[in-house]
């Protein structure tokens, strides 16, 4: 079963603030990515996967998730 982005992030011992800082975005924006309240740009999905050292297809995101262009 796929894990959520939050679960993977926790396993990698990174906080939402850590991720936001690395990505150069606000913590609130990153939080909205994890909860599905905001679409994640395709480039950001790639960056998140690289930071967490996983394949982007291994990330389970909320049902509302759609990669924005």
C-alpha atoms as a PDB file:
ATOM      1  CA  UNK A   1       0.000   0.000   0.000  1.00  0.00           C
ATOM      2  CA  UNK A   2       1.280   3.439  -0.871  1.00  0.00           C
ATOM      3  CA  UNK A   3       2.146   5.796   1.931  1.00  0.00           C
ATOM      4  CA  UNK A   4       1.019   9.365   2.178  1.00  0.00           C
ATOM      5  CA  UNK A   5       3.457  12.161   1.582  1.00  0.00           C
ATOM      6  CA  UNK A   6       3.273  13.030   5.296  1.00  0.00           C
ATOM      7  CA  UNK A   7       4.133   9.453   6.310  1.00  0.00           C
ATOM      8  CA  UNK A   8       7.130   9.341   3.990  1.00  0.00           C
ATOM      9  CA  UNK A   9       8.285  12.766   5.158  1.00  0.00           C
ATOM     10  CA  UNK A  10       8.036  11.658   8.801  1.00  0.00           C
ATOM     11  CA  UNK A  11      10.007   8.481   8.050  1.00  0.00           C
ATOM     12  CA  UNK A  12      12.753  10.652   6.543  1.00  0.00           C
ATOM     13  CA  UNK A  13      12.731  12.755   9.730  1.00  0.00           C
ATOM     14  CA  UNK A  14      11.848  15.961   7.941  1.00  0.00           C
ATOM     15  CA  UNK A  15       9.342  18.485   9.223  1.00  0.00           C
ATOM     16  CA  UNK A  16       6.954  20.448   7.041  1.00  0.00           C
ATOM     17  CA  UNK A  17       9.172  23.463   7.744  1.00  0.00           C
ATOM     18  CA  UNK A  18      12.245  21.539   6.563  1.00  0.00           C
ATOM     19  CA  UNK A  19      10.503  20.651   3.319  1.00  0.00           C
ATOM     20  CA  UNK A  20       9.167  24.177   2.783  1.00  0.00           C
ATOM     21  CA  UNK A  21      12.605  25.681   3.390  1.00  0.00           C
ATOM     22  CA  UNK A  22      14.297  23.301   0.938  1.00  0.00           C
ATOM     23  CA  UNK A  23      11.592  23.918  -1.674  1.00  0.00           C
ATOM     24  CA  UNK A  24      11.661  27.685  -1.113  1.00  0.00           C
ATOM     25  CA  UNK A  25       7.947  27.915  -0.334  1.00  0.00           C
ATOM     26  CA  UNK A  26       5.836  28.868   2.686  1.00  0.00           C
ATOM     27  CA  UNK A  27       5.121  26.197   5.289  1.00  0.00           C
ATOM     28  CA  UNK A  28       1.399  26.856   4.798  1.00  0.00           C
ATOM     29  CA  UNK A  29       1.760  26.092   1.078  1.00  0.00           C
ATOM     30  CA  UNK A  30       3.566  22.828   1.766  1.00  0.00           C
ATOM     31  CA  UNK A  31       0.934  21.870   4.344  1.00  0.00           C
ATOM     32  CA  UNK A  32      -1.773  22.466   1.734  1.00  0.00           C
ATOM     33  CA  UNK A  33       0.078  20.129  -0.643  1.00  0.00           C
ATOM     34  CA  UNK A  34      -0.004  17.357   1.965  1.00  0.00           C
ATOM     35  CA  UNK A  35      -3.683  17.860   2.762  1.00  0.00           C
ATOM     36  CA  UNK A  36      -4.798  18.213  -0.839  1.00  0.00           C
ATOM     37  CA  UNK A  37      -6.049  21.765  -0.435  1.00  0.00           C
ATOM     38  CA  UNK A  38      -3.674  22.990  -3.117  1.00  0.00           C
ATOM     39  CA  UNK A  39      -2.541  21.446  -6.383  1.00  0.00           C
ATOM     40  CA  UNK A  40       1.120  20.527  -6.519  1.00  0.00           C
ATOM     41  CA  UNK A  41       3.040  21.820  -9.543  1.00  0.00           C
ATOM     42  CA  UNK A  42       4.685  19.002 -11.517  1.00  0.00           C
ATOM     43  CA  UNK A  43       8.169  20.429 -10.921  1.00  0.00           C
ATOM     44  CA  UNK A  44       7.508  20.524  -7.168  1.00  0.00           C
ATOM     45  CA  UNK A  45       6.417  16.869  -7.187  1.00  0.00           C
ATOM     46  CA  UNK A  46       9.749  16.018  -8.830  1.00  0.00           C
ATOM     47  CA  UNK A  47      11.634  18.095  -6.254  1.00  0.00           C
ATOM     48  CA  UNK A  48       9.793  16.492  -3.323  1.00  0.00           C
ATOM     49  CA  UNK A  49      10.569  13.025  -4.659  1.00  0.00           C
ATOM     50  CA  UNK A  50      14.222  13.937  -5.034  1.00  0.00           C
ATOM     51  CA  UNK A  51      14.443  15.432  -1.521  1.00  0.00           C
ATOM     52  CA  UNK A  52      12.825  12.350   0.022  1.00  0.00           C
ATOM     53  CA  UNK A  53      14.804   9.999  -2.248  1.00  0.00           C
ATOM     54  CA  UNK A  54      11.738   8.199  -3.586  1.00  0.00           C
ATOM     55  CA  UNK A  55      10.000   7.668  -6.903  1.00  0.00           C
ATOM     56  CA  UNK A  56       7.227  10.206  -7.377  1.00  0.00           C
ATOM     57  CA  UNK A  57       4.863   7.333  -8.218  1.00  0.00           C
ATOM     58  CA  UNK A  58       5.393   5.993  -4.678  1.00  0.00           C
ATOM     59  CA  UNK A  59       3.800   9.060  -3.117  1.00  0.00           C
ATOM     60  CA  UNK A  60       0.143   8.730  -2.227  1.00  0.00           C
ATOM     61  CA  UNK A  61      -1.467  12.129  -2.220  1.00  0.00           C
ATOM     62  CA  UNK A  62      -5.036  13.047  -1.237  1.00  0.00           C
ATOM     63  CA  UNK A  63      -7.815  12.200  -3.682  1.00  0.00           C
ATOM     64  CA  UNK A  64      -8.092  15.865  -4.624  1.00  0.00           C
ATOM     65  CA  UNK A  65      -4.482  15.784  -5.795  1.00  0.00           C
ATOM     66  CA  UNK A  66      -3.849  16.855  -9.339  1.00  0.00           C
ATOM     67  CA  UNK A  67      -0.547  17.930 -10.698  1.00  0.00           C
ATOM     68  CA  UNK A  68      -0.896  21.472 -11.921  1.00  0.00           C
ATOM     69  CA  UNK A  69       1.056  22.632 -14.945  1.00  0.00           C
END
